[in-house]
Each structure stands twice: as structure tokens, then as C-alpha cells.
Amino acid sequence: MKRTIAAFTIFCLAVAVAQEYTPDPSWTPPDKEATRKNPLKKSDAVVAGGKKLFLRNCKPCHGEAGDAGLHHSANLQLPIVQQQSDGTLFWKVTNGNVSRGMPSFSGLPDLQRWQLVMYIRTLAH
């Protein structure tokens, strides 16, 4: 019985890892939003604040390392995410994508959302 449970667990993990993140092609910001620049200057304190916000708000779906964990959310380490502009990431954090399970974080102050964007940049591999 223990072997069956262990085998099933390994199978489920393999299936979860094998699933690739596929971006929603309709989830794109207006040009004006995509070209917005992050008003914050990169510093250890700003990135640390972004990490704290990430761990509180984003970790449950995106995993501690931003690699989507066992969820089918965006792997924030992937080039397809990292190549997006700061303005695009800010817009996505702000507006969410309810049809894909991404909530809006518009309730966070603007500067905190920009800190999140800055922290997301540190997740690139």
C-alpha cells in the first residue's frame, strides 16, 4: 500500500512538472501601460520589500522561487515572463486575470506593486 501511495505521489508530481505554462495571448496591456517605467531605483531595500510582498501574496500560487510550484500558474523564471516590460508586469499584477485564476492586486499601493515587479526580475535564471 505504501508503495502504491508513493508511486501515485511521484506520478502526480511528474505530471505537474511536465505541464508548461502557456500565456494567455489576450492578456496584454494597452501600449500606454506596457511602456510605463518603474519609478523605483533598484536597491537591496526595495528588492527585499518586493520579496516580502511576493512571499505574502504570490508564493501560494507561484511558489517560493517563482517557478509555479505545483500549480499551473506562470513560472516567473521563464524568459517568456522575464522578457515582458516592467509596465506589462505592473499592469498584470494590478489587473489580474480572473479567467486564469490570477487575482488583481490593485489594493496594494502603486509603489508596492512596483517593488513586486523589481523582485520578479530577480527570479530570472
N, C-alpha and C. Protein backbone atom coordinates (compact mmCIF):
# COMPACT_ATOMS: atom_id res chain seq x y z
N MET A 1 0.82 -1.18 0.00
CA MET A 1 0.00 0.00 0.00
C MET A 1 0.87 1.26 0.00
N LYS A 2 1.93 1.25 0.83
CA LYS A 2 2.81 2.41 0.89
C LYS A 2 3.49 2.65 -0.45
N ARG A 3 3.85 1.56 -1.13
CA ARG A 3 4.49 1.70 -2.46
C ARG A 3 3.51 2.30 -3.47
N THR A 4 2.25 1.90 -3.38
CA THR A 4 1.23 2.42 -4.29
C THR A 4 1.05 3.92 -4.06
N ILE A 5 0.99 4.33 -2.81
CA ILE A 5 0.84 5.75 -2.48
C ILE A 5 2.07 6.52 -2.95
N ALA A 6 3.25 5.99 -2.71
CA ALA A 6 4.48 6.66 -3.13
C ALA A 6 4.54 6.76 -4.65
N ALA A 7 4.17 5.70 -5.35
CA ALA A 7 4.18 5.72 -6.81
C ALA A 7 3.17 6.74 -7.35
N PHE A 8 2.00 6.80 -6.74
CA PHE A 8 0.98 7.75 -7.16
C PHE A 8 1.47 9.18 -6.93
N THR A 9 2.09 9.43 -5.80
CA THR A 9 2.61 10.76 -5.48
C THR A 9 3.66 11.17 -6.50
N ILE A 10 4.57 10.27 -6.84
CA ILE A 10 5.61 10.56 -7.83
C ILE A 10 4.98 10.83 -9.19
N PHE A 11 3.99 10.05 -9.55
CA PHE A 11 3.29 10.26 -10.82
C PHE A 11 2.66 11.65 -10.86
N CYS A 12 1.96 12.02 -9.79
CA CYS A 12 1.30 13.34 -9.75
C CYS A 12 2.32 14.46 -9.84
N LEU A 13 3.43 14.32 -9.17
CA LEU A 13 4.48 15.34 -9.25
C LEU A 13 5.05 15.43 -10.66
N ALA A 14 5.24 14.31 -11.30
CA ALA A 14 5.77 14.30 -12.67
C ALA A 14 4.80 14.98 -13.63
N VAL A 15 3.52 14.72 -13.47
CA VAL A 15 2.52 15.36 -14.32
C VAL A 15 2.52 16.86 -14.09
N ALA A 16 2.59 17.27 -12.83
CA ALA A 16 2.58 18.70 -12.52
C ALA A 16 3.80 19.40 -13.10
N VAL A 17 4.96 18.77 -13.00
CA VAL A 17 6.19 19.36 -13.53
C VAL A 17 6.16 19.40 -15.05
N ALA A 18 5.56 18.40 -15.66
CA ALA A 18 5.53 18.33 -17.12
C ALA A 18 4.63 19.39 -17.73
N GLN A 19 3.67 19.90 -16.96
CA GLN A 19 2.78 20.92 -17.50
C GLN A 19 3.55 22.22 -17.68
N GLU A 20 3.52 22.75 -18.86
CA GLU A 20 4.20 24.01 -19.16
C GLU A 20 3.22 25.15 -19.01
N TYR A 21 3.75 26.27 -18.60
CA TYR A 21 2.93 27.47 -18.54
C TYR A 21 2.71 27.98 -19.96
N THR A 22 1.46 28.20 -20.29
CA THR A 22 1.10 28.77 -21.59
C THR A 22 0.45 30.11 -21.33
N PRO A 23 1.08 31.19 -21.77
CA PRO A 23 0.49 32.51 -21.51
C PRO A 23 -0.84 32.70 -22.24
N ASP A 24 -1.68 33.53 -21.66
CA ASP A 24 -2.95 33.89 -22.27
C ASP A 24 -2.67 34.98 -23.29
N PRO A 25 -2.83 34.69 -24.58
CA PRO A 25 -2.49 35.69 -25.61
C PRO A 25 -3.37 36.93 -25.58
N SER A 26 -4.52 36.84 -24.93
CA SER A 26 -5.40 38.00 -24.87
C SER A 26 -5.11 38.88 -23.65
N TRP A 27 -4.20 38.45 -22.79
CA TRP A 27 -3.89 39.19 -21.56
C TRP A 27 -2.72 40.13 -21.79
N THR A 28 -3.00 41.18 -22.51
CA THR A 28 -1.97 42.16 -22.84
C THR A 28 -2.45 43.56 -22.49
N PRO A 29 -1.54 44.37 -21.99
CA PRO A 29 -1.94 45.72 -21.59
C PRO A 29 -2.02 46.66 -22.79
N PRO A 30 -2.71 47.77 -22.62
CA PRO A 30 -2.66 48.81 -23.65
C PRO A 30 -1.22 49.30 -23.78
N ASP A 31 -0.86 49.79 -24.95
CA ASP A 31 0.52 50.26 -25.19
C ASP A 31 0.97 51.26 -24.13
N LYS A 32 0.09 52.15 -23.75
CA LYS A 32 0.43 53.17 -22.76
C LYS A 32 0.89 52.53 -21.44
N GLU A 33 0.25 51.45 -21.06
CA GLU A 33 0.61 50.75 -19.82
C GLU A 33 1.89 49.94 -19.98
N ALA A 34 2.04 49.30 -21.12
CA ALA A 34 3.21 48.45 -21.37
C ALA A 34 4.51 49.25 -21.36
N THR A 35 4.44 50.52 -21.71
CA THR A 35 5.66 51.34 -21.79
C THR A 35 5.94 52.11 -20.51
N ARG A 36 5.11 51.92 -19.48
CA ARG A 36 5.37 52.60 -18.20
C ARG A 36 6.71 52.15 -17.64
N LYS A 37 7.40 53.08 -17.04
CA LYS A 37 8.70 52.79 -16.43
C LYS A 37 8.55 52.67 -14.91
N ASN A 38 9.32 51.78 -14.34
CA ASN A 38 9.32 51.62 -12.90
C ASN A 38 9.94 52.87 -12.27
N PRO A 39 9.20 53.56 -11.39
CA PRO A 39 9.72 54.78 -10.80
C PRO A 39 10.74 54.54 -9.69
N LEU A 40 10.88 53.29 -9.27
CA LEU A 40 11.80 52.97 -8.18
C LEU A 40 13.20 52.67 -8.72
N LYS A 41 14.19 53.10 -7.98
CA LYS A 41 15.57 52.74 -8.30
C LYS A 41 15.90 51.45 -7.57
N LYS A 42 16.59 50.56 -8.26
CA LYS A 42 16.91 49.27 -7.66
C LYS A 42 17.85 49.46 -6.48
N SER A 43 17.49 48.84 -5.38
CA SER A 43 18.33 48.82 -4.19
C SER A 43 18.00 47.55 -3.42
N ASP A 44 18.89 47.18 -2.54
CA ASP A 44 18.65 45.98 -1.72
C ASP A 44 17.36 46.11 -0.92
N ALA A 45 17.09 47.32 -0.39
CA ALA A 45 15.90 47.52 0.43
C ALA A 45 14.62 47.40 -0.40
N VAL A 46 14.63 47.93 -1.62
CA VAL A 46 13.45 47.86 -2.49
C VAL A 46 13.18 46.40 -2.88
N VAL A 47 14.23 45.69 -3.25
CA VAL A 47 14.08 44.28 -3.63
C VAL A 47 13.62 43.44 -2.43
N ALA A 48 14.17 43.73 -1.25
CA ALA A 48 13.77 42.99 -0.05
C ALA A 48 12.29 43.24 0.26
N GLY A 49 11.84 44.47 0.08
CA GLY A 49 10.42 44.77 0.28
C GLY A 49 9.56 44.02 -0.72
N GLY A 50 10.02 43.95 -1.97
CA GLY A 50 9.30 43.21 -3.00
C GLY A 50 9.23 41.73 -2.67
N LYS A 51 10.33 41.20 -2.14
CA LYS A 51 10.35 39.78 -1.77
C LYS A 51 9.35 39.51 -0.66
N LYS A 52 9.30 40.39 0.32
CA LYS A 52 8.35 40.22 1.43
C LYS A 52 6.91 40.22 0.90
N LEU A 53 6.61 41.14 0.01
CA LEU A 53 5.28 41.20 -0.60
C LEU A 53 4.99 39.95 -1.42
N PHE A 54 6.00 39.49 -2.17
CA PHE A 54 5.86 38.29 -3.00
C PHE A 54 5.54 37.07 -2.13
N LEU A 55 6.30 36.90 -1.06
CA LEU A 55 6.09 35.73 -0.21
C LEU A 55 4.71 35.76 0.44
N ARG A 56 4.22 36.93 0.75
CA ARG A 56 2.89 37.06 1.37
C ARG A 56 1.77 36.88 0.35
N ASN A 57 1.93 37.43 -0.84
CA ASN A 57 0.81 37.50 -1.79
C ASN A 57 0.91 36.54 -2.98
N CYS A 58 2.10 36.21 -3.39
CA CYS A 58 2.29 35.48 -4.66
C CYS A 58 2.74 34.03 -4.47
N LYS A 59 3.45 33.77 -3.39
CA LYS A 59 4.01 32.43 -3.14
C LYS A 59 2.97 31.31 -3.20
N PRO A 60 1.74 31.51 -2.67
CA PRO A 60 0.79 30.39 -2.68
C PRO A 60 0.55 29.81 -4.08
N CYS A 61 0.61 30.63 -5.12
CA CYS A 61 0.36 30.13 -6.48
C CYS A 61 1.64 29.98 -7.30
N HIS A 62 2.56 30.92 -7.14
CA HIS A 62 3.76 30.92 -7.98
C HIS A 62 4.93 30.18 -7.34
N GLY A 63 4.78 29.75 -6.10
CA GLY A 63 5.86 29.05 -5.41
C GLY A 63 6.88 30.02 -4.87
N GLU A 64 7.63 29.57 -3.88
CA GLU A 64 8.61 30.44 -3.23
C GLU A 64 9.67 30.95 -4.19
N ALA A 65 10.05 30.12 -5.15
CA ALA A 65 11.08 30.50 -6.12
C ALA A 65 10.48 31.10 -7.39
N GLY A 66 9.17 31.26 -7.43
CA GLY A 66 8.52 31.82 -8.61
C GLY A 66 8.39 30.84 -9.76
N ASP A 67 8.64 29.56 -9.48
CA ASP A 67 8.64 28.53 -10.53
C ASP A 67 7.29 27.83 -10.67
N ALA A 68 6.26 28.40 -10.11
CA ALA A 68 4.88 27.91 -10.16
C ALA A 68 4.64 26.73 -9.23
N GLY A 69 5.63 26.24 -8.54
CA GLY A 69 5.41 25.16 -7.60
C GLY A 69 4.63 24.03 -8.24
N LEU A 70 3.59 23.58 -7.57
CA LEU A 70 2.75 22.51 -8.10
C LEU A 70 1.52 23.06 -8.79
N HIS A 71 1.46 24.35 -8.96
CA HIS A 71 0.29 24.99 -9.57
C HIS A 71 0.53 25.20 -11.06
N HIS A 72 -0.53 25.44 -11.77
CA HIS A 72 -0.42 25.72 -13.21
C HIS A 72 -0.43 27.23 -13.44
N SER A 73 0.21 27.94 -12.55
CA SER A 73 0.32 29.39 -12.70
C SER A 73 1.61 29.69 -13.46
N ALA A 74 1.83 30.95 -13.74
CA ALA A 74 3.02 31.34 -14.51
C ALA A 74 4.30 31.00 -13.74
N ASN A 75 5.24 30.43 -14.46
CA ASN A 75 6.58 30.24 -13.93
C ASN A 75 7.30 31.56 -14.21
N LEU A 76 7.50 32.35 -13.18
CA LEU A 76 8.04 33.69 -13.32
C LEU A 76 9.52 33.70 -13.68
N GLN A 77 10.16 32.54 -13.65
CA GLN A 77 11.57 32.44 -14.02
C GLN A 77 11.76 32.36 -15.54
N LEU A 78 10.72 31.98 -16.25
CA LEU A 78 10.84 31.74 -17.69
C LEU A 78 11.10 33.02 -18.48
N PRO A 79 11.88 32.91 -19.56
CA PRO A 79 12.12 34.07 -20.42
C PRO A 79 10.84 34.72 -20.93
N ILE A 80 9.80 33.92 -21.21
CA ILE A 80 8.55 34.48 -21.73
C ILE A 80 7.92 35.46 -20.75
N VAL A 81 8.21 35.30 -19.47
CA VAL A 81 7.75 36.25 -18.45
C VAL A 81 8.78 37.36 -18.27
N GLN A 82 10.03 36.98 -18.13
CA GLN A 82 11.09 37.95 -17.85
C GLN A 82 11.30 38.95 -18.98
N GLN A 83 10.95 38.59 -20.20
CA GLN A 83 11.13 39.49 -21.34
C GLN A 83 10.03 40.55 -21.44
N GLN A 84 9.00 40.41 -20.64
CA GLN A 84 7.93 41.41 -20.65
C GLN A 84 8.43 42.69 -19.98
N SER A 85 7.90 43.81 -20.42
CA SER A 85 8.32 45.10 -19.86
C SER A 85 7.86 45.23 -18.41
N ASP A 86 8.54 46.11 -17.68
CA ASP A 86 8.11 46.39 -16.31
C ASP A 86 6.66 46.86 -16.29
N GLY A 87 6.30 47.70 -17.25
CA GLY A 87 4.94 48.21 -17.32
C GLY A 87 3.92 47.10 -17.51
N THR A 88 4.28 46.12 -18.34
CA THR A 88 3.38 44.98 -18.57
C THR A 88 3.20 44.17 -17.29
N LEU A 89 4.29 43.88 -16.60
CA LEU A 89 4.19 43.12 -15.35
C LEU A 89 3.39 43.90 -14.31
N PHE A 90 3.62 45.20 -14.23
CA PHE A 90 2.87 46.03 -13.29
C PHE A 90 1.38 45.98 -13.61
N TRP A 91 1.05 46.09 -14.90
CA TRP A 91 -0.35 46.04 -15.33
C TRP A 91 -0.98 44.69 -14.98
N LYS A 92 -0.23 43.61 -15.18
CA LYS A 92 -0.76 42.28 -14.87
C LYS A 92 -0.98 42.09 -13.38
N VAL A 93 -0.04 42.55 -12.57
CA VAL A 93 -0.20 42.47 -11.11
C VAL A 93 -1.40 43.31 -10.68
N THR A 94 -1.54 44.46 -11.28
CA THR A 94 -2.63 45.38 -10.92
C THR A 94 -4.00 44.83 -11.31
N ASN A 95 -4.12 44.33 -12.52
CA ASN A 95 -5.43 43.94 -13.06
C ASN A 95 -5.78 42.47 -12.87
N GLY A 96 -4.80 41.62 -12.73
CA GLY A 96 -5.06 40.20 -12.61
C GLY A 96 -5.64 39.64 -13.90
N ASN A 97 -5.97 38.37 -13.87
CA ASN A 97 -6.58 37.67 -15.00
C ASN A 97 -7.49 36.60 -14.40
N VAL A 98 -8.68 37.02 -14.05
CA VAL A 98 -9.61 36.16 -13.32
C VAL A 98 -9.86 34.85 -14.05
N SER A 99 -9.94 34.87 -15.38
CA SER A 99 -10.22 33.64 -16.12
C SER A 99 -9.10 32.62 -15.98
N ARG A 100 -7.90 33.05 -15.59
CA ARG A 100 -6.77 32.14 -15.39
C ARG A 100 -6.43 31.97 -13.91
N GLY A 101 -7.24 32.58 -13.03
CA GLY A 101 -7.01 32.41 -11.60
C GLY A 101 -6.06 33.41 -10.98
N MET A 102 -5.64 34.42 -11.73
CA MET A 102 -4.74 35.45 -11.20
C MET A 102 -5.58 36.59 -10.65
N PRO A 103 -5.51 36.80 -9.32
CA PRO A 103 -6.30 37.89 -8.75
C PRO A 103 -5.66 39.25 -9.03
N SER A 104 -6.45 40.28 -8.90
CA SER A 104 -5.96 41.65 -9.00
C SER A 104 -5.33 42.05 -7.67
N PHE A 105 -4.22 42.74 -7.74
CA PHE A 105 -3.59 43.27 -6.55
C PHE A 105 -3.64 44.79 -6.57
N SER A 106 -4.70 45.32 -7.16
CA SER A 106 -4.86 46.77 -7.24
C SER A 106 -5.03 47.40 -5.86
N GLY A 107 -5.34 46.60 -4.86
CA GLY A 107 -5.47 47.11 -3.50
C GLY A 107 -4.14 47.46 -2.86
N LEU A 108 -3.05 46.94 -3.42
CA LEU A 108 -1.72 47.30 -2.92
C LEU A 108 -1.36 48.68 -3.47
N PRO A 109 -0.69 49.50 -2.69
CA PRO A 109 -0.24 50.79 -3.20
C PRO A 109 0.65 50.61 -4.44
N ASP A 110 0.62 51.60 -5.32
CA ASP A 110 1.42 51.54 -6.55
C ASP A 110 2.88 51.17 -6.30
N LEU A 111 3.51 51.82 -5.33
CA LEU A 111 4.94 51.58 -5.10
C LEU A 111 5.21 50.14 -4.66
N GLN A 112 4.28 49.54 -3.94
CA GLN A 112 4.45 48.14 -3.55
C GLN A 112 4.35 47.23 -4.77
N ARG A 113 3.44 47.57 -5.69
CA ARG A 113 3.34 46.76 -6.91
C ARG A 113 4.61 46.90 -7.75
N TRP A 114 5.19 48.10 -7.77
CA TRP A 114 6.47 48.27 -8.48
C TRP A 114 7.58 47.48 -7.79
N GLN A 115 7.55 47.40 -6.46
CA GLN A 115 8.52 46.58 -5.74
C GLN A 115 8.38 45.11 -6.14
N LEU A 116 7.14 44.65 -6.28
CA LEU A 116 6.92 43.27 -6.73
C LEU A 116 7.55 43.04 -8.10
N VAL A 117 7.35 43.99 -9.01
CA VAL A 117 7.94 43.86 -10.34
C VAL A 117 9.46 43.76 -10.23
N MET A 118 10.05 44.60 -9.39
CA MET A 118 11.50 44.59 -9.24
C MET A 118 11.96 43.25 -8.67
N TYR A 119 11.22 42.70 -7.70
CA TYR A 119 11.59 41.40 -7.14
C TYR A 119 11.42 40.29 -8.19
N ILE A 120 10.35 40.32 -8.96
CA ILE A 120 10.14 39.32 -10.00
C ILE A 120 11.34 39.26 -10.93
N ARG A 121 11.96 40.39 -11.20
CA ARG A 121 13.16 40.44 -12.06
C ARG A 121 14.31 39.61 -11.48
N THR A 122 14.36 39.49 -10.15
CA THR A 122 15.46 38.73 -9.53
C THR A 122 15.27 37.23 -9.67
N LEU A 123 14.09 36.80 -10.12
CA LEU A 123 13.80 35.37 -10.22
C LEU A 123 14.30 34.76 -11.53
N ALA A 124 14.76 35.57 -12.43
CA ALA A 124 15.23 35.09 -13.74
C ALA A 124 16.41 34.13 -13.57
N HIS A 125 16.44 33.13 -14.43
CA HIS A 125 17.57 32.18 -14.42
C HIS A 125 18.26 32.21 -15.75
